[in-house]
Full PDB file with SEQRES, HELIX, SHEET, SSBOND, CRYST1, ORIGX, SCALE, CONECT and MASTER records, all heavy atoms in Angstrom:
SEQRES   1 A   42  SER GLU SER PHE ASP LEU ILE PHE MET ASP MET GLN MET          
SEQRES   2 A   42  PRO VAL MET ASN GLY TYR ASP ALA VAL ARG MET LEU ARG          
SEQRES   3 A   42  GLN LYS GLY TYR THR GLY PRO ILE VAL ALA LEU THR ALA          
SEQRES   4 A   42  ASN ALA MET                                                  
HELIX    1 AA1 GLY A   18  GLN A   27  1                                  10    
SHEET    1 AA1 2 ILE A   7  ASP A  10  0                                        
SHEET    2 AA1 2 ILE A  34  LEU A  37  1                                        
CRYST1    1.000    1.000    1.000  90.00  90.00  90.00 P 1           1          
ORIGX1      1.000000  0.000000  0.000000        0.00000                         
ORIGX2      0.000000  1.000000  0.000000        0.00000                         
ORIGX3      0.000000  0.000000  1.000000        0.00000                         
SCALE1      1.000000  0.000000  0.000000        0.00000                         
SCALE2      0.000000  1.000000  0.000000        0.00000                         
SCALE3      0.000000  0.000000  1.000000        0.00000                         
ATOM      1  N   SER A   1      16.984-128.386-103.485  1.00  0.00           N  
ATOM      2  CA  SER A   1      18.347-128.095-102.974  1.00  0.00           C  
ATOM      3  C   SER A   1      18.534-126.738-102.277  1.00  0.00           C  
ATOM      4  O   SER A   1      19.475-126.719-101.483  1.00  0.00           O  
ATOM      5  CB  SER A   1      19.341-128.217-104.079  1.00  0.00           C  
ATOM      6  OG  SER A   1      19.190-127.205-105.050  1.00  0.00           O  
ATOM      7  N   GLU A   2      17.476-125.886-102.425  1.00  0.00           N  
ATOM      8  CA  GLU A   2      17.598-124.536-101.741  1.00  0.00           C  
ATOM      9  C   GLU A   2      16.256-124.218-101.071  1.00  0.00           C  
ATOM     10  O   GLU A   2      15.305-124.859-101.298  1.00  0.00           O  
ATOM     11  CB  GLU A   2      17.992-123.494-102.935  1.00  0.00           C  
ATOM     12  CG  GLU A   2      19.267-123.905-103.616  1.00  0.00           C  
ATOM     13  CD  GLU A   2      19.598-122.712-104.692  1.00  0.00           C  
ATOM     14  OE1 GLU A   2      19.152-121.548-104.455  1.00  0.00           O  
ATOM     15  OE2 GLU A   2      20.078-123.129-105.662  1.00  0.00           O  
ATOM     16  N   SER A   3      16.200-123.091-100.324  1.00  0.00           N  
ATOM     17  CA  SER A   3      15.148-122.678 -99.679  1.00  0.00           C  
ATOM     18  C   SER A   3      14.487-121.503-100.375  1.00  0.00           C  
ATOM     19  O   SER A   3      15.060-120.535-100.601  1.00  0.00           O  
ATOM     20  CB  SER A   3      15.399-122.268 -98.208  1.00  0.00           C  
ATOM     21  OG  SER A   3      14.380-121.753 -97.486  1.00  0.00           O  
ATOM     22  N   PHE A   4      13.132-121.706-100.638  1.00  0.00           N  
ATOM     23  CA  PHE A   4      12.348-120.615-101.348  1.00  0.00           C  
ATOM     24  C   PHE A   4      11.161-120.467-100.531  1.00  0.00           C  
ATOM     25  O   PHE A   4      10.444-121.463 -99.961  1.00  0.00           O  
ATOM     26  CB  PHE A   4      12.063-120.960-102.820  1.00  0.00           C  
ATOM     27  CG  PHE A   4      13.293-121.085-103.603  1.00  0.00           C  
ATOM     28  CD1 PHE A   4      13.830-122.205-103.946  1.00  0.00           C  
ATOM     29  CD2 PHE A   4      13.809-119.872-104.181  1.00  0.00           C  
ATOM     30  CE1 PHE A   4      15.034-122.234-104.690  1.00  0.00           C  
ATOM     31  CE2 PHE A   4      14.956-119.926-104.883  1.00  0.00           C  
ATOM     32  CZ  PHE A   4      15.645-121.107-105.239  1.00  0.00           C  
ATOM     33  N   ASP A   5      10.573-119.188-100.481  1.00  0.00           N  
ATOM     34  CA  ASP A   5       9.360-118.965 -99.770  1.00  0.00           C  
ATOM     35  C   ASP A   5       8.210-119.102-100.788  1.00  0.00           C  
ATOM     36  O   ASP A   5       7.003-119.292-100.193  1.00  0.00           O  
ATOM     37  CB  ASP A   5       9.369-117.550 -99.286  1.00  0.00           C  
ATOM     38  CG  ASP A   5      10.472-117.341 -98.204  1.00  0.00           C  
ATOM     39  OD1 ASP A   5      10.360-118.008 -97.195  1.00  0.00           O  
ATOM     40  OD2 ASP A   5      11.384-116.658 -98.393  1.00  0.00           O  
ATOM     41  N   LEU A   6       8.448-119.034-102.030  1.00  0.00           N  
ATOM     42  CA  LEU A   6       7.201-119.198-103.061  1.00  0.00           C  
ATOM     43  C   LEU A   6       7.892-119.439-104.346  1.00  0.00           C  
ATOM     44  O   LEU A   6       8.903-118.981-104.719  1.00  0.00           O  
ATOM     45  CB  LEU A   6       6.474-117.814-103.142  1.00  0.00           C  
ATOM     46  CG  LEU A   6       5.402-117.739-104.158  1.00  0.00           C  
ATOM     47  CD1 LEU A   6       4.148-118.738-103.790  1.00  0.00           C  
ATOM     48  CD2 LEU A   6       4.798-116.269-104.127  1.00  0.00           C  
ATOM     49  N   ILE A   7       7.155-120.326-105.137  1.00  0.00           N  
ATOM     50  CA  ILE A   7       7.638-120.678-106.521  1.00  0.00           C  
ATOM     51  C   ILE A   7       6.494-120.173-107.533  1.00  0.00           C  
ATOM     52  O   ILE A   7       5.286-120.421-107.256  1.00  0.00           O  
ATOM     53  CB  ILE A   7       7.823-122.125-106.664  1.00  0.00           C  
ATOM     54  CG1 ILE A   7       8.859-122.710-105.747  1.00  0.00           C  
ATOM     55  CG2 ILE A   7       8.028-122.496-108.117  1.00  0.00           C  
ATOM     56  CD1 ILE A   7       9.115-124.186-105.874  1.00  0.00           C  
ATOM     57  N   PHE A   8       6.949-119.402-108.543  1.00  0.00           N  
ATOM     58  CA  PHE A   8       6.027-119.154-109.538  1.00  0.00           C  
ATOM     59  C   PHE A   8       6.511-119.944-110.765  1.00  0.00           C  
ATOM     60  O   PHE A   8       7.618-120.053-111.203  1.00  0.00           O  
ATOM     61  CB  PHE A   8       6.139-117.627-110.106  1.00  0.00           C  
ATOM     62  CG  PHE A   8       5.474-116.730-109.140  1.00  0.00           C  
ATOM     63  CD1 PHE A   8       6.154-115.851-108.414  1.00  0.00           C  
ATOM     64  CD2 PHE A   8       4.007-116.744-108.997  1.00  0.00           C  
ATOM     65  CE1 PHE A   8       5.529-114.868-107.478  1.00  0.00           C  
ATOM     66  CE2 PHE A   8       3.434-115.860-108.152  1.00  0.00           C  
ATOM     67  CZ  PHE A   8       4.205-114.964-107.424  1.00  0.00           C  
ATOM     68  N   MET A   9       5.544-120.853-111.257  1.00  0.00           N  
ATOM     69  CA  MET A   9       5.883-121.920-112.237  1.00  0.00           C  
ATOM     70  C   MET A   9       5.130-121.733-113.550  1.00  0.00           C  
ATOM     71  O   MET A   9       3.964-121.858-113.576  1.00  0.00           O  
ATOM     72  CB  MET A   9       5.481-123.216-111.586  1.00  0.00           C  
ATOM     73  CG  MET A   9       5.916-124.355-112.552  1.00  0.00           C  
ATOM     74  SD  MET A   9       7.566-124.886-112.425  1.00  0.00           S  
ATOM     75  CE  MET A   9       7.688-125.595-110.808  1.00  0.00           C  
ATOM     76  N   ASP A  10       5.762-121.365-114.608  1.00  0.00           N  
ATOM     77  CA  ASP A  10       5.214-121.332-115.792  1.00  0.00           C  
ATOM     78  C   ASP A  10       4.878-122.753-116.267  1.00  0.00           C  
ATOM     79  O   ASP A  10       5.719-123.731-116.044  1.00  0.00           O  
ATOM     80  CB  ASP A  10       6.289-120.755-116.938  1.00  0.00           C  
ATOM     81  CG  ASP A  10       5.675-120.635-118.249  1.00  0.00           C  
ATOM     82  OD1 ASP A  10       4.455-120.461-118.322  1.00  0.00           O  
ATOM     83  OD2 ASP A  10       6.358-120.839-119.253  1.00  0.00           O  
ATOM     84  N   MET A  11       3.783-122.955-116.861  1.00  0.00           N  
ATOM     85  CA  MET A  11       3.284-124.354-117.174  1.00  0.00           C  
ATOM     86  C   MET A  11       3.591-124.986-118.462  1.00  0.00           C  
ATOM     87  O   MET A  11       3.642-126.162-118.676  1.00  0.00           O  
ATOM     88  CB  MET A  11       1.732-124.402-116.967  1.00  0.00           C  
ATOM     89  CG  MET A  11       1.254-123.867-115.643  1.00  0.00           C  
ATOM     90  SD  MET A  11       2.220-124.518-114.064  1.00  0.00           S  
ATOM     91  CE  MET A  11       1.593-126.169-114.116  1.00  0.00           C  
ATOM     92  N   GLN A  12       4.040-124.142-119.381  1.00  0.00           N  
ATOM     93  CA  GLN A  12       4.604-124.524-120.716  1.00  0.00           C  
ATOM     94  C   GLN A  12       5.935-124.193-120.978  1.00  0.00           C  
ATOM     95  O   GLN A  12       6.261-123.086-121.330  1.00  0.00           O  
ATOM     96  CB  GLN A  12       3.674-124.085-121.879  1.00  0.00           C  
ATOM     97  CG  GLN A  12       2.178-124.587-121.716  1.00  0.00           C  
ATOM     98  CD  GLN A  12       1.462-124.514-122.926  1.00  0.00           C  
ATOM     99  OE1 GLN A  12       1.962-124.560-124.071  1.00  0.00           O  
ATOM    100  NE2 GLN A  12       0.114-124.045-122.856  1.00  0.00           N  
ATOM    101  N   MET A  13       6.939-125.130-120.738  1.00  0.00           N  
ATOM    102  CA  MET A  13       8.362-124.840-120.885  1.00  0.00           C  
ATOM    103  C   MET A  13       8.964-126.129-121.538  1.00  0.00           C  
ATOM    104  O   MET A  13       8.383-127.193-121.502  1.00  0.00           O  
ATOM    105  CB  MET A  13       9.049-124.613-119.576  1.00  0.00           C  
ATOM    106  CG  MET A  13       8.479-123.419-118.870  1.00  0.00           C  
ATOM    107  SD  MET A  13       9.341-123.323-117.141  1.00  0.00           S  
ATOM    108  CE  MET A  13       8.548-124.714-116.186  1.00  0.00           C  
ATOM    109  N   PRO A  14      10.147-125.974-122.114  1.00  0.00           N  
ATOM    110  CA  PRO A  14      10.858-127.005-122.762  1.00  0.00           C  
ATOM    111  C   PRO A  14      11.463-127.911-121.648  1.00  0.00           C  
ATOM    112  O   PRO A  14      11.520-127.540-120.472  1.00  0.00           O  
ATOM    113  CB  PRO A  14      11.839-126.310-123.680  1.00  0.00           C  
ATOM    114  CG  PRO A  14      12.140-125.046-122.906  1.00  0.00           C  
ATOM    115  CD  PRO A  14      10.806-124.626-122.369  1.00  0.00           C  
ATOM    116  N   VAL A  15      12.003-129.148-122.086  1.00  0.00           N  
ATOM    117  CA  VAL A  15      12.643-130.043-121.300  1.00  0.00           C  
ATOM    118  C   VAL A  15      11.678-130.773-120.327  1.00  0.00           C  
ATOM    119  O   VAL A  15      11.487-131.936-120.415  1.00  0.00           O  
ATOM    120  CB  VAL A  15      13.853-129.339-120.373  1.00  0.00           C  
ATOM    121  CG1 VAL A  15      14.576-130.570-119.592  1.00  0.00           C  
ATOM    122  CG2 VAL A  15      14.819-128.707-121.364  1.00  0.00           C  
ATOM    123  N   MET A  16      11.088-129.987-119.405  1.00  0.00           N  
ATOM    124  CA  MET A  16      10.034-130.436-118.414  1.00  0.00           C  
ATOM    125  C   MET A  16       9.122-129.420-118.246  1.00  0.00           C  
ATOM    126  O   MET A  16       9.497-128.206-117.951  1.00  0.00           O  
ATOM    127  CB  MET A  16      10.634-130.899-117.112  1.00  0.00           C  
ATOM    128  CG  MET A  16       9.450-131.373-116.192  1.00  0.00           C  
ATOM    129  SD  MET A  16      10.215-131.808-114.473  1.00  0.00           S  
ATOM    130  CE  MET A  16      11.105-133.272-114.857  1.00  0.00           C  
ATOM    131  N   ASN A  17       7.731-129.678-118.508  1.00  0.00           N  
ATOM    132  CA  ASN A  17       6.856-128.572-118.465  1.00  0.00           C  
ATOM    133  C   ASN A  17       6.490-128.337-117.008  1.00  0.00           C  
ATOM    134  O   ASN A  17       6.814-129.136-116.076  1.00  0.00           O  
ATOM    135  CB  ASN A  17       5.574-128.905-119.183  1.00  0.00           C  
ATOM    136  CG  ASN A  17       4.807-130.093-118.767  1.00  0.00           C  
ATOM    137  OD1 ASN A  17       4.613-130.370-117.512  1.00  0.00           O  
ATOM    138  ND2 ASN A  17       4.399-130.998-119.733  1.00  0.00           N  
ATOM    139  N   GLY A  18       5.720-127.225-116.690  1.00  0.00           N  
ATOM    140  CA  GLY A  18       5.332-126.967-115.341  1.00  0.00           C  
ATOM    141  C   GLY A  18       4.519-127.933-114.582  1.00  0.00           C  
ATOM    142  O   GLY A  18       4.672-128.224-113.415  1.00  0.00           O  
ATOM    143  N   TYR A  19       3.534-128.635-115.234  1.00  0.00           N  
ATOM    144  CA  TYR A  19       2.686-129.641-114.748  1.00  0.00           C  
ATOM    145  C   TYR A  19       3.605-130.776-114.205  1.00  0.00           C  
ATOM    146  O   TYR A  19       3.218-131.214-112.953  1.00  0.00           O  
ATOM    147  CB  TYR A  19       1.676-130.121-115.698  1.00  0.00           C  
ATOM    148  CG  TYR A  19       0.777-129.168-116.333  1.00  0.00           C  
ATOM    149  CD1 TYR A  19       1.090-128.594-117.585  1.00  0.00           C  
ATOM    150  CD2 TYR A  19      -0.303-128.621-115.524  1.00  0.00           C  
ATOM    151  CE1 TYR A  19       0.186-127.651-118.175  1.00  0.00           C  
ATOM    152  CE2 TYR A  19      -1.033-127.607-116.106  1.00  0.00           C  
ATOM    153  CZ  TYR A  19      -0.868-127.193-117.384  1.00  0.00           C  
ATOM    154  OH  TYR A  19      -1.676-126.135-117.900  1.00  0.00           O  
ATOM    155  N   ASP A  20       4.432-131.313-114.924  1.00  0.00           N  
ATOM    156  CA  ASP A  20       5.279-132.357-114.514  1.00  0.00           C  
ATOM    157  C   ASP A  20       6.165-132.116-113.487  1.00  0.00           C  
ATOM    158  O   ASP A  20       6.486-132.802-112.443  1.00  0.00           O  
ATOM    159  CB  ASP A  20       6.131-133.007-115.721  1.00  0.00           C  
ATOM    160  CG  ASP A  20       5.260-133.602-116.832  1.00  0.00           C  
ATOM    161  OD1 ASP A  20       4.073-134.041-116.383  1.00  0.00           O  
ATOM    162  OD2 ASP A  20       5.742-133.796-117.906  1.00  0.00           O  
ATOM    163  N   ALA A  21       6.668-130.772-113.442  1.00  0.00           N  
ATOM    164  CA  ALA A  21       7.589-130.218-112.417  1.00  0.00           C  
ATOM    165  C   ALA A  21       6.897-130.203-111.057  1.00  0.00           C  
ATOM    166  O   ALA A  21       7.358-130.613-109.930  1.00  0.00           O  
ATOM    167  CB  ALA A  21       8.178-128.894-112.822  1.00  0.00           C  
ATOM    168  N   VAL A  22       5.659-129.685-111.129  1.00  0.00           N  
ATOM    169  CA  VAL A  22       4.907-129.556-109.833  1.00  0.00           C  
ATOM    170  C   VAL A  22       4.531-130.991-109.315  1.00  0.00           C  
ATOM    171  O   VAL A  22       4.694-131.153-108.045  1.00  0.00           O  
ATOM    172  CB  VAL A  22       3.584-128.854-110.102  1.00  0.00           C  
ATOM    173  CG1 VAL A  22       2.763-128.665-108.823  1.00  0.00           C  
ATOM    174  CG2 VAL A  22       3.861-127.327-110.431  1.00  0.00           C  
ATOM    175  N   ARG A  23       4.154-131.767-110.244  1.00  0.00           N  
ATOM    176  CA  ARG A  23       3.865-133.187-109.746  1.00  0.00           C  
ATOM    177  C   ARG A  23       5.036-133.841-109.048  1.00  0.00           C  
ATOM    178  O   ARG A  23       4.943-134.496-107.959  1.00  0.00           O  
ATOM    179  CB  ARG A  23       3.326-134.096-110.879  1.00  0.00           C  
ATOM    180  CG  ARG A  23       1.970-133.677-111.454  1.00  0.00           C  
ATOM    181  CD  ARG A  23       1.456-134.680-112.482  1.00  0.00           C  
ATOM    182  NE  ARG A  23       0.347-134.145-113.140  1.00  0.00           N  
ATOM    183  CZ  ARG A  23       0.277-133.574-114.339  1.00  0.00           C  
ATOM    184  NH1 ARG A  23       1.434-133.459-114.960  1.00  0.00           N  
ATOM    185  NH2 ARG A  23      -0.807-133.248-114.891  1.00  0.00           N  
ATOM    186  N   MET A  24       6.251-133.782-109.705  1.00  0.00           N  
ATOM    187  CA  MET A  24       7.467-134.127-109.219  1.00  0.00           C  
ATOM    188  C   MET A  24       7.850-133.755-107.879  1.00  0.00           C  
ATOM    189  O   MET A  24       8.252-134.427-106.931  1.00  0.00           O  
ATOM    190  CB  MET A  24       8.599-134.138-110.202  1.00  0.00           C  
ATOM    191  CG  MET A  24       9.870-134.756-109.773  1.00  0.00           C  
ATOM    192  SD  MET A  24      11.163-134.638-111.070  1.00  0.00           S  
ATOM    193  CE  MET A  24      10.478-135.818-112.164  1.00  0.00           C  
ATOM    194  N   LEU A  25       7.666-132.409-107.719  1.00  0.00           N  
ATOM    195  CA  LEU A  25       7.946-131.780-106.429  1.00  0.00           C  
ATOM    196  C   LEU A  25       6.968-132.176-105.292  1.00  0.00           C  
ATOM    197  O   LEU A  25       7.464-132.536-104.200  1.00  0.00           O  
ATOM    198  CB  LEU A  25       7.732-130.191-106.565  1.00  0.00           C  
ATOM    199  CG  LEU A  25       8.912-129.491-107.295  1.00  0.00           C  
ATOM    200  CD1 LEU A  25       8.682-128.014-107.529  1.00  0.00           C  
ATOM    201  CD2 LEU A  25      10.256-129.519-106.477  1.00  0.00           C  
ATOM    202  N   ARG A  26       5.740-132.386-105.632  1.00  0.00           N  
ATOM    203  CA  ARG A  26       4.830-132.778-104.623  1.00  0.00           C  
ATOM    204  C   ARG A  26       5.139-134.278-104.238  1.00  0.00           C  
ATOM    205  O   ARG A  26       5.030-134.706-103.090  1.00  0.00           O  
ATOM    206  CB  ARG A  26       3.400-132.635-105.174  1.00  0.00           C  
ATOM    207  CG  ARG A  26       2.933-131.309-105.262  1.00  0.00           C  
ATOM    208  CD  ARG A  26       3.211-130.270-104.176  1.00  0.00           C  
ATOM    209  NE  ARG A  26       2.596-129.050-104.289  1.00  0.00           N  
ATOM    210  CZ  ARG A  26       2.925-127.980-103.604  1.00  0.00           C  
ATOM    211  NH1 ARG A  26       3.931-127.958-102.661  1.00  0.00           N  
ATOM    212  NH2 ARG A  26       2.323-126.753-103.730  1.00  0.00           N  
ATOM    213  N   GLN A  27       5.446-135.174-105.277  1.00  0.00           N  
ATOM    214  CA  GLN A  27       5.770-136.554-105.006  1.00  0.00           C  
ATOM    215  C   GLN A  27       6.910-136.620-104.223  1.00  0.00           C  
ATOM    216  O   GLN A  27       7.162-137.596-103.359  1.00  0.00           O  
ATOM    217  CB  GLN A  27       6.058-137.257-106.271  1.00  0.00           C  
ATOM    218  CG  GLN A  27       4.670-137.420-107.137  1.00  0.00           C  
ATOM    219  CD  GLN A  27       4.894-137.937-108.593  1.00  0.00           C  
ATOM    220  OE1 GLN A  27       6.168-138.148-108.963  1.00  0.00           O  
ATOM    221  NE2 GLN A  27       3.825-138.164-109.345  1.00  0.00           N  
ATOM    222  N   LYS A  28       8.055-135.666-104.330  1.00  0.00           N  
ATOM    223  CA  LYS A  28       9.247-135.769-103.508  1.00  0.00           C  
ATOM    224  C   LYS A  28       9.027-135.027-102.112  1.00  0.00           C  
ATOM    225  O   LYS A  28      10.014-134.905-101.397  1.00  0.00           O  
ATOM    226  CB  LYS A  28      10.292-135.123-104.298  1.00  0.00           C  
ATOM    227  CG  LYS A  28      10.800-135.949-105.466  1.00  0.00           C  
ATOM    228  CD  LYS A  28      11.809-135.388-106.247  1.00  0.00           C  
ATOM    229  CE  LYS A  28      12.350-136.178-107.457  1.00  0.00           C  
ATOM    230  NZ  LYS A  28      12.894-137.468-107.049  1.00  0.00           N  
ATOM    231  N   GLY A  29       7.837-134.657-101.804  1.00  0.00           N  
ATOM    232  CA  GLY A  29       7.507-134.203-100.365  1.00  0.00           C  
ATOM    233  C   GLY A  29       7.629-132.651-100.284  1.00  0.00           C  
ATOM    234  O   GLY A  29       7.662-132.044 -99.253  1.00  0.00           O  
ATOM    235  N   TYR A  30       7.732-131.856-101.414  1.00  0.00           N  
ATOM    236  CA  TYR A  30       7.831-130.339-101.350  1.00  0.00           C  
ATOM    237  C   TYR A  30       6.521-129.898-100.973  1.00  0.00           C  
ATOM    238  O   TYR A  30       5.426-130.169-101.564  1.00  0.00           O  
ATOM    239  CB  TYR A  30       8.315-129.811-102.723  1.00  0.00           C  
ATOM    240  CG  TYR A  30       8.516-128.366-102.661  1.00  0.00           C  
ATOM    241  CD1 TYR A  30       9.881-127.811-102.189  1.00  0.00           C  
ATOM    242  CD2 TYR A  30       7.661-127.334-102.958  1.00  0.00           C  
ATOM    243  CE1 TYR A  30      10.050-126.482-102.148  1.00  0.00           C  
ATOM    244  CE2 TYR A  30       7.783-126.036-102.910  1.00  0.00           C  
ATOM    245  CZ  TYR A  30       8.995-125.679-102.457  1.00  0.00           C  
ATOM    246  OH  TYR A  30       9.270-124.269-102.396  1.00  0.00           O  
ATOM    247  N   THR A  31       6.510-129.085 -99.978  1.00  0.00           N  
ATOM    248  CA  THR A  31       5.181-128.527 -99.369  1.00  0.00           C  
ATOM    249  C   THR A  31       5.017-127.105 -99.481  1.00  0.00           C  
ATOM    250  O   THR A  31       3.948-126.489 -99.136  1.00  0.00           O  
ATOM    251  CB  THR A  31       5.018-128.947 -97.826  1.00  0.00           C  
ATOM    252  OG1 THR A  31       6.087-128.359 -97.136  1.00  0.00           O  
ATOM    253  CG2 THR A  31       4.959-130.463 -97.721  1.00  0.00           C  
ATOM    254  N   GLY A  32       6.031-126.344-100.053  1.00  0.00           N  
ATOM    255  CA  GLY A  32       6.030-124.953-100.173  1.00  0.00           C  
ATOM    256  C   GLY A  32       4.831-124.505-101.248  1.00  0.00           C  
ATOM    257  O   GLY A  32       4.486-125.380-102.041  1.00  0.00           O  
ATOM    258  N   PRO A  33       4.461-123.180-101.138  1.00  0.00           N  
ATOM    259  CA  PRO A  33       3.525-122.733-102.068  1.00  0.00           C  
ATOM    260  C   PRO A  33       3.929-122.627-103.608  1.00  0.00           C  
ATOM    261  O   PRO A  33       5.006-122.175-103.670  1.00  0.00           O  
ATOM    262  CB  PRO A  33       2.948-121.341-101.462  1.00  0.00           C  
ATOM    263  CG  PRO A  33       4.158-120.970-100.729  1.00  0.00           C  
ATOM    264  CD  PRO A  33       4.773-122.290-100.180  1.00  0.00           C  
ATOM    265  N   ILE A  34       3.251-123.192-104.424  1.00  0.00           N  
ATOM    266  CA  ILE A  34       3.516-122.981-105.881  1.00  0.00           C  
ATOM    267  C   ILE A  34       2.420-122.422-106.616  1.00  0.00           C  
ATOM    268  O   ILE A  34       1.248-122.772-106.553  1.00  0.00           O  
ATOM    269  CB  ILE A  34       3.797-124.307-106.511  1.00  0.00           C  
ATOM    270  CG1 ILE A  34       4.931-125.122-105.736  1.00  0.00           C  
ATOM    271  CG2 ILE A  34       4.276-124.234-108.029  1.00  0.00           C  
ATOM    272  CD1 ILE A  34       5.172-126.552-106.343  1.00  0.00           C  
ATOM    273  N   VAL A  35       2.655-121.314-107.266  1.00  0.00           N  
ATOM    274  CA  VAL A  35       1.591-120.619-108.025  1.00  0.00           C  
ATOM    275  C   VAL A  35       1.990-120.732-109.611  1.00  0.00           C  
ATOM    276  O   VAL A  35       2.948-120.447-110.031  1.00  0.00           O  
ATOM    277  CB  VAL A  35       1.634-118.999-107.724  1.00  0.00           C  
ATOM    278  CG1 VAL A  35       0.731-118.338-108.735  1.00  0.00           C  
ATOM    279  CG2 VAL A  35       1.116-118.939-106.274  1.00  0.00           C  
ATOM    280  N   ALA A  36       0.883-121.274-110.258  1.00  0.00           N  
ATOM    281  CA  ALA A  36       1.054-121.411-111.680  1.00  0.00           C  
ATOM    282  C   ALA A  36       1.027-120.177-112.494  1.00  0.00           C  
ATOM    283  O   ALA A  36       0.199-119.162-112.115  1.00  0.00           O  
ATOM    284  CB  ALA A  36      -0.143-122.446-112.246  1.00  0.00           C  
ATOM    285  N   LEU A  37       1.788-120.070-113.419  1.00  0.00           N  
ATOM    286  CA  LEU A  37       1.800-118.873-114.424  1.00  0.00           C  
ATOM    287  C   LEU A  37       1.399-119.485-115.827  1.00  0.00           C  
ATOM    288  O   LEU A  37       2.141-120.377-116.172  1.00  0.00           O  
ATOM    289  CB  LEU A  37       3.160-118.144-114.502  1.00  0.00           C  
ATOM    290  CG  LEU A  37       3.722-117.633-113.240  1.00  0.00           C  
ATOM    291  CD1 LEU A  37       5.068-117.059-113.347  1.00  0.00           C  
ATOM    292  CD2 LEU A  37       2.687-116.422-112.783  1.00  0.00           C  
ATOM    293  N   THR A  38       0.497-118.913-116.535  1.00  0.00           N  
ATOM    294  CA  THR A  38       0.194-119.482-117.856  1.00  0.00           C  
ATOM    295  C   THR A  38      -0.424-118.394-118.619  1.00  0.00           C  
ATOM    296  O   THR A  38      -1.245-117.491-118.059  1.00  0.00           O  
ATOM    297  CB  THR A  38      -0.798-120.612-117.793  1.00  0.00           C  
ATOM    298  OG1 THR A  38      -1.166-120.921-119.070  1.00  0.00           O  
ATOM    299  CG2 THR A  38      -1.960-120.354-116.974  1.00  0.00           C  
ATOM    300  N   ALA A  39      -0.230-118.276-119.938  1.00  0.00           N  
ATOM    301  CA  ALA A  39      -0.897-117.319-120.816  1.00  0.00           C  
ATOM    302  C   ALA A  39      -2.274-117.831-121.363  1.00  0.00           C  
ATOM    303  O   ALA A  39      -2.945-117.006-121.969  1.00  0.00           O  
ATOM    304  CB  ALA A  39       0.043-117.130-121.938  1.00  0.00           C  
ATOM    305  N   ASN A  40      -2.538-119.084-120.896  1.00  0.00           N  
ATOM    306  CA  ASN A  40      -3.916-119.573-121.255  1.00  0.00           C  
ATOM    307  C   ASN A  40      -4.991-118.916-120.374  1.00  0.00           C  
ATOM    308  O   ASN A  40      -4.669-118.729-119.167  1.00  0.00           O  
ATOM    309  CB  ASN A  40      -3.935-121.014-121.186  1.00  0.00           C  
ATOM    310  CG  ASN A  40      -3.141-121.737-122.352  1.00  0.00           C  
ATOM    311  OD1 ASN A  40      -2.924-121.023-123.425  1.00  0.00           O  
ATOM    312  ND2 ASN A  40      -2.705-122.884-122.137  1.00  0.00           N  
ATOM    313  N   ALA A  41      -6.055-118.716-120.954  1.00  0.00           N  
ATOM    314  CA  ALA A  41      -7.178-118.126-120.098  1.00  0.00           C  
ATOM    315  C   ALA A  41      -8.442-118.837-120.018  1.00  0.00           C  
ATOM    316  O   ALA A  41      -9.522-118.364-119.570  1.00  0.00           O  
ATOM    317  CB  ALA A  41      -7.570-116.688-120.651  1.00  0.00           C  
ATOM    318  N   MET A  42      -8.324-120.223-120.202  1.00  0.00           N  
ATOM    319  CA  MET A  42      -9.430-121.089-120.179  1.00  0.00           C  
ATOM    320  C   MET A  42      -9.580-121.716-118.882  1.00  0.00           C  
ATOM    321  O   MET A  42      -8.628-122.141-118.198  1.00  0.00           O  
ATOM    322  CB  MET A  42      -9.367-122.034-121.259  1.00  0.00           C  
ATOM    323  CG  MET A  42      -9.507-121.416-122.687  1.00  0.00           C  
ATOM    324  SD  MET A  42      -9.233-122.509-124.082  1.00  0.00           S  
ATOM    325  CE  MET A  42      -7.475-122.549-124.225  1.00  0.00           C  
TER     326      MET A  42                                                      
MASTER        0    0    0    1    2    0    0    6  325    1    0    4          
END                                                                             
């Protein structure tokens, strides 16, 4: 609904996690850059 130049997405969140959020955005045609944030190092 708004314009952003970049999204930083934590991948483990309540309600909807970052993985599902990114997939949904891409499915809905969002083409802007998304950078994952995670405390996992694997």
